[in-house]
N, C-alpha and C. Protein backbone atom coordinates (compact mmCIF):
# COMPACT_ATOMS: atom_id res chain seq x y z
N UNK A 1 48.75 -77.87 54.14
CA UNK A 1 49.63 -77.25 54.64
C UNK A 1 48.89 -75.87 54.00
N UNK A 2 48.78 -75.11 55.03
CA UNK A 2 48.33 -73.88 54.65
C UNK A 2 49.25 -72.62 54.99
N UNK A 3 49.63 -71.79 54.14
CA UNK A 3 50.41 -70.59 54.69
C UNK A 3 49.82 -69.25 55.02
N UNK A 4 50.03 -68.65 56.08
CA UNK A 4 49.61 -67.31 56.40
C UNK A 4 50.16 -66.23 55.18
N UNK A 5 49.30 -65.30 55.08
CA UNK A 5 49.61 -64.15 54.39
C UNK A 5 50.81 -63.47 54.45
N UNK A 6 51.13 -63.11 55.80
CA UNK A 6 52.38 -63.19 56.14
C UNK A 6 53.74 -63.85 55.81
N UNK A 7 53.51 -65.07 55.81
CA UNK A 7 54.60 -66.04 55.40
C UNK A 7 54.57 -65.93 53.76
N UNK A 8 53.55 -65.59 52.94
CA UNK A 8 53.51 -65.72 51.92
C UNK A 8 54.30 -64.63 51.31
N UNK A 9 53.99 -63.25 52.06
CA UNK A 9 54.83 -61.91 51.93
C UNK A 9 56.20 -62.08 52.09
N UNK A 10 56.65 -63.10 53.11
CA UNK A 10 57.98 -62.97 53.34
C UNK A 10 58.69 -63.75 52.38
N UNK A 11 57.89 -64.76 52.03
CA UNK A 11 58.41 -65.49 50.78
C UNK A 11 58.82 -65.02 49.60
N UNK A 12 57.88 -64.01 49.08
CA UNK A 12 57.78 -63.07 47.86
C UNK A 12 58.83 -62.14 47.75
N UNK A 13 58.90 -61.63 49.08
CA UNK A 13 60.05 -60.66 49.41
C UNK A 13 61.27 -61.66 49.16
N UNK A 14 61.50 -62.43 49.44
CA UNK A 14 62.79 -63.42 49.45
C UNK A 14 63.14 -63.82 47.86
N UNK A 15 62.06 -64.24 47.17
CA UNK A 15 62.00 -64.54 45.84
C UNK A 15 62.37 -63.36 44.95
N UNK A 16 61.76 -61.95 45.27
CA UNK A 16 61.90 -61.03 44.61
C UNK A 16 63.58 -60.13 44.74
N UNK A 17 63.99 -60.68 45.86
CA UNK A 17 65.57 -60.68 46.49
C UNK A 17 65.94 -61.26 45.63
N UNK A 18 66.13 -62.71 45.43
CA UNK A 18 66.92 -63.28 44.59
C UNK A 18 66.95 -63.38 43.21
N UNK A 19 65.52 -62.98 43.08
CA UNK A 19 65.51 -62.58 41.25
C UNK A 19 66.49 -61.59 40.91
N UNK A 20 66.40 -60.31 41.68
CA UNK A 20 67.41 -58.97 41.66
C UNK A 20 68.76 -59.41 41.77
N UNK A 21 69.03 -60.49 42.59
CA UNK A 21 70.58 -60.93 42.92
C UNK A 21 70.94 -61.53 41.42
N UNK A 22 70.08 -62.43 41.17
CA UNK A 22 70.45 -63.28 39.94
C UNK A 22 70.59 -62.52 38.70
N UNK A 23 69.56 -61.29 38.46
CA UNK A 23 69.55 -60.16 37.64
C UNK A 23 71.05 -59.70 37.63
N UNK A 24 71.87 -59.04 38.96
CA UNK A 24 72.68 -58.57 39.22
C UNK A 24 73.73 -59.34 38.48
N UNK A 25 73.81 -60.43 38.78
CA UNK A 25 75.07 -61.52 38.66
C UNK A 25 74.89 -61.56 37.01
N UNK A 26 74.39 -61.79 36.58
CA UNK A 26 73.69 -62.08 35.23
C UNK A 26 74.50 -60.71 34.30
N UNK A 27 73.90 -59.71 34.71
CA UNK A 27 74.63 -58.57 34.35
C UNK A 27 75.98 -58.08 34.43
N UNK A 28 76.54 -58.59 35.32
CA UNK A 28 77.94 -58.35 35.73
C UNK A 28 79.03 -59.45 34.78
N UNK A 29 78.36 -60.57 34.74
CA UNK A 29 78.52 -61.71 34.17
C UNK A 29 78.74 -61.05 32.33
N UNK A 30 78.00 -60.68 32.22
CA UNK A 30 77.63 -60.31 30.84
C UNK A 30 78.62 -59.32 30.07
N UNK A 31 78.50 -58.18 31.18
CA UNK A 31 79.56 -57.23 30.70
C UNK A 31 81.07 -57.86 31.11
N UNK A 32 81.41 -58.25 31.89
CA UNK A 32 82.89 -58.80 31.57
C UNK A 32 82.97 -59.84 30.55
N UNK A 33 81.83 -60.45 30.23
CA UNK A 33 81.99 -61.26 28.68
C UNK A 33 82.51 -60.27 27.97
N UNK A 34 81.69 -59.45 27.58
CA UNK A 34 81.77 -58.26 26.69
C UNK A 34 83.29 -57.68 26.71
N UNK A 35 83.65 -57.17 27.79
CA UNK A 35 85.12 -56.68 28.01
C UNK A 35 86.49 -57.41 27.59
N UNK A 36 85.90 -58.83 28.04
CA UNK A 36 86.57 -59.77 27.81
C UNK A 36 87.19 -60.23 26.33
N UNK A 37 85.81 -60.22 25.59
CA UNK A 37 85.85 -60.24 23.92
C UNK A 37 86.83 -59.00 23.69
N UNK A 38 86.55 -58.03 24.15
CA UNK A 38 87.05 -57.04 23.27
C UNK A 38 88.59 -57.15 23.36
N UNK A 39 88.96 -57.32 24.58
CA UNK A 39 90.42 -57.84 24.96
C UNK A 39 91.02 -58.56 24.40
N UNK A 40 90.26 -59.79 24.06
CA UNK A 40 90.51 -60.94 23.44
C UNK A 40 91.07 -60.48 21.98
N UNK A 41 90.31 -60.07 21.40
CA UNK A 41 90.55 -59.76 19.97
C UNK A 41 91.48 -58.59 19.63
N UNK A 42 91.93 -57.67 20.49
CA UNK A 42 92.88 -56.96 20.05
C UNK A 42 94.36 -57.53 19.63
N UNK A 43 94.56 -58.76 20.08
CA UNK A 43 95.92 -59.45 19.57
C UNK A 43 95.96 -59.62 18.15
N UNK A 44 94.86 -59.60 17.46
CA UNK A 44 94.54 -59.97 16.18
C UNK A 44 95.21 -58.91 15.17
N UNK A 45 95.41 -57.56 15.89
CA UNK A 45 95.67 -56.39 15.05
C UNK A 45 96.74 -55.74 15.67
N UNK A 46 97.30 -55.09 14.87
CA UNK A 46 98.76 -54.17 14.93
C UNK A 46 98.74 -52.67 13.55
N UNK A 47 99.47 -51.56 14.10
CA UNK A 47 99.68 -50.61 13.54
C UNK A 47 98.15 -49.82 13.31
N UNK A 48 97.68 -49.28 12.26
CA UNK A 48 96.90 -48.53 11.50
C UNK A 48 95.16 -49.92 12.25
N UNK A 49 95.28 -50.71 11.70
CA UNK A 49 94.48 -51.66 12.16
C UNK A 49 93.90 -52.09 13.61
N UNK A 50 95.05 -52.01 14.50
CA UNK A 50 94.72 -51.82 15.70
C UNK A 50 94.09 -50.56 16.21
N UNK A 51 94.40 -49.38 15.72
CA UNK A 51 94.08 -47.80 15.94
C UNK A 51 92.36 -48.28 15.60
N UNK A 52 92.05 -48.61 14.45
CA UNK A 52 90.81 -48.84 13.78
C UNK A 52 90.05 -49.36 14.79
N UNK A 53 90.39 -50.93 15.06
CA UNK A 53 89.71 -51.43 15.96
C UNK A 53 89.66 -50.86 17.23
N UNK A 54 90.35 -50.37 18.02
CA UNK A 54 90.49 -49.79 19.33
C UNK A 54 89.22 -48.67 19.12
N UNK A 55 89.23 -47.87 18.19
CA UNK A 55 88.20 -46.92 18.16
C UNK A 55 86.79 -47.00 17.54
N UNK A 56 86.76 -48.33 16.65
CA UNK A 56 85.40 -48.86 16.69
C UNK A 56 84.72 -49.26 17.75
N UNK A 57 85.73 -50.66 18.23
CA UNK A 57 84.98 -51.64 19.13
C UNK A 57 84.87 -51.43 20.77
N UNK A 58 85.82 -50.18 21.07
CA UNK A 58 85.60 -49.94 22.64
C UNK A 58 84.39 -49.18 22.48
N UNK A 59 83.91 -48.51 21.70
CA UNK A 59 82.70 -47.57 21.74
C UNK A 59 81.41 -48.69 21.54
N UNK A 60 81.45 -49.65 20.99
CA UNK A 60 80.48 -50.64 20.77
C UNK A 60 80.85 -51.54 21.94
N UNK A 61 81.65 -51.49 22.47
CA UNK A 61 81.64 -52.53 23.91
C UNK A 61 81.16 -51.51 25.04
N UNK A 62 81.36 -50.52 25.28
CA UNK A 62 80.70 -49.78 26.15
C UNK A 62 79.34 -49.36 25.99
N UNK A 63 79.18 -49.51 24.45
CA UNK A 63 77.33 -49.03 24.54
C UNK A 63 76.82 -50.48 24.94
N UNK A 64 77.05 -52.11 24.37
CA UNK A 64 76.90 -52.93 24.91
C UNK A 64 76.62 -53.15 26.39
N UNK A 65 77.72 -52.57 26.94
CA UNK A 65 77.79 -52.78 28.49
C UNK A 65 76.54 -51.87 29.29
N UNK A 66 76.47 -50.88 28.64
CA UNK A 66 75.36 -49.52 28.81
C UNK A 66 74.19 -50.71 29.03
N UNK A 67 73.92 -50.84 27.36
CA UNK A 67 72.80 -52.00 27.35
C UNK A 67 72.05 -52.92 28.21
N UNK A 68 73.50 -53.75 28.58
CA UNK A 68 73.49 -54.66 29.56
C UNK A 68 72.82 -54.28 31.14
N UNK A 69 73.19 -53.37 31.29
CA UNK A 69 73.00 -52.65 32.82
C UNK A 69 71.60 -51.70 32.70
N UNK A 70 71.18 -51.75 31.43
CA UNK A 70 69.69 -51.26 31.41
C UNK A 70 68.53 -52.69 31.43
N UNK A 71 68.98 -53.62 31.11
CA UNK A 71 68.40 -55.04 30.71
C UNK A 71 67.52 -55.16 31.87
N UNK A 72 66.36 -55.80 31.68
CA UNK A 72 65.38 -56.10 32.76
C UNK A 72 65.41 -57.46 33.24
N UNK A 73 65.73 -58.35 32.34
CA UNK A 73 65.82 -59.72 32.57
C UNK A 73 67.26 -60.49 32.24
N UNK A 74 67.47 -61.80 32.98
CA UNK A 74 68.53 -62.36 32.47
C UNK A 74 68.87 -62.65 31.10
N UNK A 75 67.64 -63.43 30.44
CA UNK A 75 68.26 -63.63 28.97
C UNK A 75 68.32 -62.41 28.01
N UNK A 76 67.73 -61.14 28.06
CA UNK A 76 68.32 -60.00 27.63
C UNK A 76 69.60 -59.53 28.02
N UNK A 77 70.21 -59.68 29.23
CA UNK A 77 71.40 -59.29 29.32
C UNK A 77 72.59 -60.32 28.48
N UNK A 78 72.25 -61.66 28.41
CA UNK A 78 73.00 -62.59 28.44
C UNK A 78 73.27 -62.73 26.59
N UNK A 79 71.83 -62.27 26.12
CA UNK A 79 71.73 -61.97 24.56
C UNK A 79 72.65 -61.00 24.14
N UNK A 80 72.53 -59.83 24.82
CA UNK A 80 73.26 -58.60 24.54
C UNK A 80 75.13 -59.00 24.22
N UNK A 81 75.25 -59.60 25.50
CA UNK A 81 76.52 -59.94 25.57
C UNK A 81 76.81 -61.14 24.27
N UNK A 82 76.24 -62.13 23.97
CA UNK A 82 76.36 -63.04 22.80
C UNK A 82 76.14 -62.42 21.47
N UNK A 83 75.38 -61.05 21.09
CA UNK A 83 75.38 -60.34 20.14
C UNK A 83 77.00 -59.79 19.90
N UNK A 84 77.11 -59.15 20.95
CA UNK A 84 78.31 -58.57 21.06
C UNK A 84 79.38 -59.27 20.63
N UNK A 85 79.59 -60.68 21.10
CA UNK A 85 80.80 -61.59 20.75
C UNK A 85 80.48 -62.11 19.40
N UNK A 86 79.45 -62.35 18.89
CA UNK A 86 79.07 -62.74 17.56
C UNK A 86 79.47 -61.80 16.22
N UNK A 87 79.21 -60.51 16.62
CA UNK A 87 79.23 -59.45 15.80
C UNK A 87 80.78 -59.12 15.77
N UNK A 88 81.57 -59.08 17.15
CA UNK A 88 83.32 -58.86 16.93
C UNK A 88 84.17 -59.91 16.31
N UNK A 89 83.58 -61.02 16.69
CA UNK A 89 84.10 -62.65 15.90
C UNK A 89 83.46 -62.16 14.42
N UNK A 90 82.90 -62.15 14.55
CA UNK A 90 82.81 -62.30 12.61
C UNK A 90 83.78 -60.93 11.96
N UNK A 91 83.89 -59.76 12.67
CA UNK A 91 84.52 -58.45 12.30
C UNK A 91 86.28 -59.23 12.51
N UNK A 92 86.26 -59.80 13.46
CA UNK A 92 87.80 -60.20 13.33
C UNK A 92 88.03 -61.41 12.10
N UNK A 93 87.30 -62.39 11.84
CA UNK A 93 87.59 -63.45 11.12
C UNK A 93 86.97 -63.28 9.65
N UNK A 94 86.31 -61.84 9.46
CA UNK A 94 86.53 -61.41 7.95
C UNK A 94 87.38 -61.50 6.96
N UNK A 95 87.16 -61.88 5.99
CA UNK A 95 88.67 -62.16 4.89
C UNK A 95 89.03 -60.46 4.61
N UNK A 96 90.00 -60.37 4.85
CA UNK A 96 90.76 -58.87 4.46
C UNK A 96 90.98 -58.96 3.02
N UNK A 97 90.80 -57.51 2.56
CA UNK A 97 91.40 -57.33 1.15
C UNK A 97 92.55 -55.97 1.82
N UNK A 98 94.01 -56.95 1.79
CA UNK A 98 94.78 -56.48 1.90
C UNK A 98 95.89 -55.57 1.13
N UNK A 99 95.68 -56.03 -0.04
CA UNK A 99 96.60 -55.16 -1.14
C UNK A 99 95.51 -54.47 -2.11
N UNK A 100 96.39 -53.30 -2.63
CA UNK A 100 95.25 -52.15 -3.58
C UNK A 100 94.86 -53.05 -4.75
N UNK A 101 95.63 -54.02 -5.21
CA UNK A 101 95.09 -54.98 -6.31
C UNK A 101 93.96 -55.82 -6.31
N UNK A 102 93.81 -56.29 -5.15
CA UNK A 102 93.01 -56.93 -4.47
C UNK A 102 91.32 -56.18 -4.77
N UNK A 103 91.46 -54.89 -3.84
CA UNK A 103 90.94 -53.95 -3.80
C UNK A 103 89.76 -53.59 -5.44
N UNK A 104 91.16 -53.22 -6.31
CA UNK A 104 91.06 -52.78 -7.65
C UNK A 104 89.82 -53.92 -8.43
N UNK A 105 90.41 -55.12 -7.92
CA UNK A 105 89.61 -56.66 -8.75
C UNK A 105 88.21 -56.32 -8.28
N UNK A 106 88.16 -56.27 -6.84
CA UNK A 106 86.53 -56.12 -6.55
C UNK A 106 85.71 -55.14 -7.15
N UNK A 107 86.43 -53.89 -7.01
CA UNK A 107 86.01 -53.08 -7.83
C UNK A 107 85.49 -53.08 -9.31
N UNK A 108 86.29 -53.24 -9.91
CA UNK A 108 86.36 -53.69 -11.19
C UNK A 108 85.04 -54.66 -11.83
N UNK A 109 85.03 -55.63 -10.93
CA UNK A 109 84.43 -57.02 -11.20
C UNK A 109 82.78 -55.76 -10.88
N UNK A 110 82.64 -55.18 -9.95
CA UNK A 110 81.46 -54.40 -9.64
C UNK A 110 81.07 -53.62 -10.80
N UNK A 111 81.96 -52.78 -11.03
CA UNK A 111 81.69 -51.77 -12.07
C UNK A 111 81.07 -52.24 -13.45
N UNK A 112 81.69 -53.42 -13.72
CA UNK A 112 81.54 -53.96 -15.04
C UNK A 112 79.98 -54.41 -15.29
N UNK A 113 79.23 -54.01 -13.94
CA UNK A 113 77.72 -54.76 -14.11
C UNK A 113 77.04 -53.29 -14.76
N UNK A 114 77.93 -52.09 -14.67
CA UNK A 114 77.41 -51.03 -15.16
C UNK A 114 77.91 -50.04 -16.43
N UNK A 115 78.84 -50.55 -16.58
CA UNK A 115 80.14 -49.88 -17.43
C UNK A 115 80.63 -51.17 -18.27
N UNK A 116 80.39 -51.12 -19.86
CA UNK A 116 81.17 -51.90 -20.70
C UNK A 116 82.58 -51.38 -20.85
N UNK A 117 83.15 -50.39 -20.54
CA UNK A 117 84.52 -50.36 -20.20
C UNK A 117 84.88 -49.70 -19.28
N UNK A 118 85.90 -50.58 -18.20
CA UNK A 118 86.23 -50.46 -17.38
C UNK A 118 88.10 -50.71 -16.68
N UNK A 119 88.77 -49.17 -16.60
CA UNK A 119 90.23 -49.30 -16.61
C UNK A 119 90.28 -48.97 -15.19
N UNK A 120 90.77 -49.91 -14.55
CA UNK A 120 91.27 -49.55 -13.11
C UNK A 120 92.31 -48.56 -12.81
N UNK A 121 92.63 -47.66 -12.25
CA UNK A 121 93.53 -46.54 -12.23
C UNK A 121 94.22 -46.63 -11.03
N UNK A 122 93.44 -46.56 -9.85
CA UNK A 122 94.49 -46.31 -8.44
C UNK A 122 93.27 -46.90 -7.82
N UNK A 123 94.18 -47.19 -6.32
CA UNK A 123 93.02 -47.70 -4.92
C UNK A 123 94.30 -47.41 -3.84
N UNK A 124 93.48 -46.79 -3.11
CA UNK A 124 94.11 -46.09 -1.93
C UNK A 124 93.32 -46.38 -0.04
N UNK A 125 94.29 -46.84 0.51
CA UNK A 125 93.78 -47.31 1.67
C UNK A 125 93.73 -46.55 2.46
N UNK A 126 92.18 -45.78 3.13
CA UNK A 126 92.03 -44.88 4.45
C UNK A 126 91.41 -46.08 5.53
N UNK A 127 92.41 -46.10 6.61
CA UNK A 127 91.69 -46.87 7.73
C UNK A 127 90.99 -48.23 7.17
N UNK A 128 89.82 -48.48 7.36
CA UNK A 128 89.13 -49.77 6.66
C UNK A 128 88.61 -49.59 5.46
N UNK A 129 88.78 -48.64 4.91
CA UNK A 129 88.10 -48.66 3.49
C UNK A 129 89.22 -48.15 2.03
N UNK A 130 88.81 -49.06 1.07
CA UNK A 130 90.13 -48.67 0.03
C UNK A 130 89.08 -47.85 -0.98
N UNK A 131 89.78 -46.82 -1.43
CA UNK A 131 88.82 -45.70 -2.30
C UNK A 131 89.81 -46.31 -3.55
N UNK A 132 88.83 -46.82 -4.44
CA UNK A 132 89.22 -47.40 -5.56
C UNK A 132 88.57 -46.19 -7.08
N UNK A 133 89.33 -46.01 -8.19
CA UNK A 133 89.21 -44.85 -9.20
C UNK A 133 89.12 -45.71 -10.34
N UNK A 134 88.08 -46.14 -10.95
CA UNK A 134 88.33 -46.70 -12.09
C UNK A 134 87.62 -45.61 -13.38
N UNK A 135 88.36 -45.55 -14.43
CA UNK A 135 87.87 -44.84 -15.53
C UNK A 135 86.88 -45.79 -16.61
N UNK A 136 85.73 -45.15 -16.65
CA UNK A 136 84.32 -45.80 -17.42
C UNK A 136 83.99 -45.05 -18.50
N UNK A 137 84.84 -44.05 -18.96
CA UNK A 137 84.89 -43.50 -20.12
C UNK A 137 85.59 -44.11 -21.25
N UNK A 138 84.85 -44.26 -22.43
CA UNK A 138 85.09 -45.12 -23.66
C UNK A 138 85.91 -44.19 -24.46
N UNK A 139 85.73 -42.96 -24.50
CA UNK A 139 86.36 -41.88 -25.48
C UNK A 139 86.89 -40.75 -24.63
N UNK A 140 86.26 -40.30 -23.33
CA UNK A 140 87.06 -39.68 -22.44
C UNK A 140 86.91 -40.05 -21.12
N UNK A 141 87.92 -39.33 -20.50
CA UNK A 141 88.33 -39.89 -19.37
C UNK A 141 87.06 -39.57 -18.07
N UNK A 142 86.72 -40.80 -17.53
CA UNK A 142 85.52 -40.18 -16.35
C UNK A 142 85.46 -41.42 -15.56
N UNK A 143 85.82 -40.87 -14.10
CA UNK A 143 86.30 -41.64 -13.39
C UNK A 143 85.22 -42.11 -12.58
N UNK A 144 85.17 -43.44 -12.14
CA UNK A 144 83.96 -43.58 -11.25
C UNK A 144 84.90 -44.29 -9.83
N UNK A 145 83.93 -43.83 -8.83
CA UNK A 145 84.45 -43.83 -7.33
C UNK A 145 84.21 -44.84 -6.61
N UNK A 146 84.84 -45.79 -6.19
CA UNK A 146 83.95 -46.96 -5.40
C UNK A 146 85.01 -47.09 -4.15
N UNK A 147 84.26 -47.06 -3.21
CA UNK A 147 84.68 -47.70 -1.69
C UNK A 147 84.48 -48.72 -1.39
N UNK A 148 85.43 -49.68 -1.18
CA UNK A 148 85.48 -51.02 -0.78
C UNK A 148 85.95 -51.41 0.74
N UNK A 149 85.01 -52.18 1.57
CA UNK A 149 85.44 -52.21 3.09
C UNK A 149 86.65 -53.47 3.03
N UNK A 150 87.74 -52.87 3.47
CA UNK A 150 88.85 -53.57 3.58
C UNK A 150 89.02 -54.92 4.39
N UNK A 151 87.95 -54.99 5.05
CA UNK A 151 87.62 -56.30 6.66
C UNK A 151 86.67 -56.97 5.53
N UNK A 152 85.74 -56.90 4.67
CA UNK A 152 84.81 -57.86 4.16
C UNK A 152 85.26 -57.85 2.66
N UNK A 153 85.24 -56.82 1.98
CA UNK A 153 85.47 -56.81 0.51
C UNK A 153 84.19 -56.28 -0.09
N UNK A 154 82.83 -55.96 0.59
CA UNK A 154 81.96 -55.37 0.35
C UNK A 154 82.14 -53.94 -0.26
N UNK A 155 81.06 -53.51 -1.21
CA UNK A 155 80.91 -52.34 -1.84
C UNK A 155 80.27 -51.28 -0.60
N UNK A 156 80.83 -50.20 -0.19
CA UNK A 156 80.20 -49.43 0.88
C UNK A 156 79.55 -48.25 -0.02
N UNK A 157 79.79 -48.03 -0.99
CA UNK A 157 79.55 -47.01 -1.70
C UNK A 157 80.11 -46.75 -3.13
N UNK A 158 79.66 -45.81 -4.22
CA UNK A 158 80.04 -45.89 -5.42
C UNK A 158 79.42 -44.47 -6.17
N UNK A 159 80.30 -43.75 -6.91
CA UNK A 159 79.75 -42.82 -7.54
C UNK A 159 80.08 -43.15 -9.26
N UNK A 160 79.23 -43.29 -9.85
CA UNK A 160 79.50 -43.26 -11.31
C UNK A 160 78.84 -42.17 -12.20
N UNK A 161 80.01 -41.76 -13.11
CA UNK A 161 79.60 -40.07 -13.95
C UNK A 161 78.64 -40.86 -14.83
N UNK A 162 77.82 -39.71 -14.97
CA UNK A 162 77.15 -39.98 -16.43
C UNK A 162 77.66 -40.28 -17.61
N UNK A 163 77.09 -41.25 -18.76
CA UNK A 163 77.90 -41.13 -19.99
C UNK A 163 77.99 -40.13 -20.78
C-alpha cells in the first residue's frame, strides 16, 4: 500500500498535533505535581519555620513551573517536576538542629579542627540558621563565628580570627 504525499502530509500534521497535545498535558500534570508537593509539605511546619518554608519554596515552586512550561519535551517537563519533589522532600525530611546546644555541639566539633582551644559561648537562631560564637583564644578572647544550617546541620560559613 502506498500513500500519496497529501495523505503523508495530513498524517504528519495529525502526529505533530498529537505530540503538541501530549506535551501540553505533560506540562500541566508536572506543574500540578509541583504545586501539590509544595502544599503537601506545608503541613510539616509551623511558626517561623512555616514562614521560612513559604518564602523559600513558593519561589522555587513558581520557578519550577516556569521551567516546566518552557520545556520542549515530555521527559524534560517530568524531570523538572521530579527534581522539585526530590529537593523539597529532602528539605522536609532533613534532620533538624532544633536547640542551641545541638548547634553549639556541631560548631564546636567543626572548630576543633582549626583550634586547639575552643569554648562555645552562645548560639542564636535566625530563620533556618544558627549563629554560633566560640572563643578560640587561649590567652585572650578571640571569637570565631560559625553559621550552622538548622535544617541539615551543615556548616554554612565560618570566620576564625587569626592567632
